[in-house]
Protein backbone atom coordinates (compact mmCIF):
# COMPACT_ATOMS: atom_id res chain seq x y z
CA MET A 1 -56.45 -1.29 -86.21
CA MET A 2 -54.23 -0.96 -82.90
CA SER A 3 -53.09 -4.45 -83.40
CA LYS A 4 -51.86 -3.60 -86.84
CA ARG A 5 -49.75 -0.57 -85.61
CA ILE A 6 -48.20 -2.88 -82.87
CA ALA A 7 -47.37 -5.44 -85.38
CA ARG A 8 -45.92 -2.90 -87.73
CA PHE A 9 -43.80 -1.36 -84.80
CA VAL A 10 -42.49 -4.81 -83.86
CA LYS A 11 -41.48 -5.79 -87.49
CA ASP A 12 -39.62 -2.48 -87.88
CA LYS A 13 -35.66 -2.82 -87.49
CA SER A 14 -34.55 0.67 -88.25
CA GLY A 15 -34.83 1.98 -85.05
CA VAL A 16 -32.79 -1.09 -83.61
CA THR A 17 -30.08 -0.25 -85.82
CA ALA A 18 -29.89 3.40 -84.91
CA ILE A 19 -29.88 2.07 -81.16
CA GLU A 20 -27.08 -0.20 -81.72
CA TYR A 21 -24.86 2.57 -83.47
CA GLY A 22 -25.47 4.77 -80.54
CA LEU A 23 -24.64 2.15 -78.02
CA ILE A 24 -21.41 1.52 -80.20
CA ALA A 25 -20.53 5.13 -80.24
CA LEU A 26 -21.35 5.45 -76.48
CA LEU A 27 -18.75 2.36 -75.90
CA VAL A 28 -15.97 4.21 -77.98
CA ALA A 29 -16.52 7.24 -76.25
CA VAL A 30 -16.26 5.85 -72.83
CA GLY A 31 -13.13 3.77 -73.86
CA ILE A 32 -11.45 7.16 -74.97
CA ILE A 33 -12.36 9.06 -72.07
CA ALA A 34 -10.95 6.26 -69.84
CA SER A 35 -7.71 5.85 -71.73
CA VAL A 36 -7.15 9.46 -71.70
CA THR A 37 -7.75 9.75 -68.01
CA LEU A 38 -5.36 6.98 -67.12
CA LEU A 39 -2.73 7.93 -69.36
CA GLY A 40 -3.17 11.77 -68.90
CA ASP A 41 -1.29 11.77 -65.33
CA ASN A 42 1.53 9.94 -66.86
CA VAL A 43 1.90 12.04 -70.04
CA SER A 44 1.68 15.26 -67.79
CA ALA A 45 4.33 13.76 -65.45
CA MET A 46 6.68 13.19 -68.32
CA PHE A 47 6.22 16.71 -70.00
CA ASN A 48 7.08 18.11 -66.39
CA THR A 49 10.13 15.89 -66.16
CA VAL A 50 11.18 17.02 -69.65
CA ALA A 51 10.52 20.61 -68.99
CA SER A 52 12.31 20.55 -65.48
CA SER A 53 15.18 19.10 -67.13
CA MET A 54 15.69 21.57 -69.87
CA PRO A 55 18.01 24.81 -69.12
CA ASP A 56 16.07 28.00 -68.49
């Protein structure tokens, strides 16, 4: 009885697909966060430069 359940669990691939999609989403999110963090300071500095060069 228990060996059949274990064999069925090992053969089930639907959980693996969900985990793979989760990992892909995680990698995309980490990439977005990293790029925003790295570019955020540069973009902020650029806006500050433009804002300071505009007349009041």
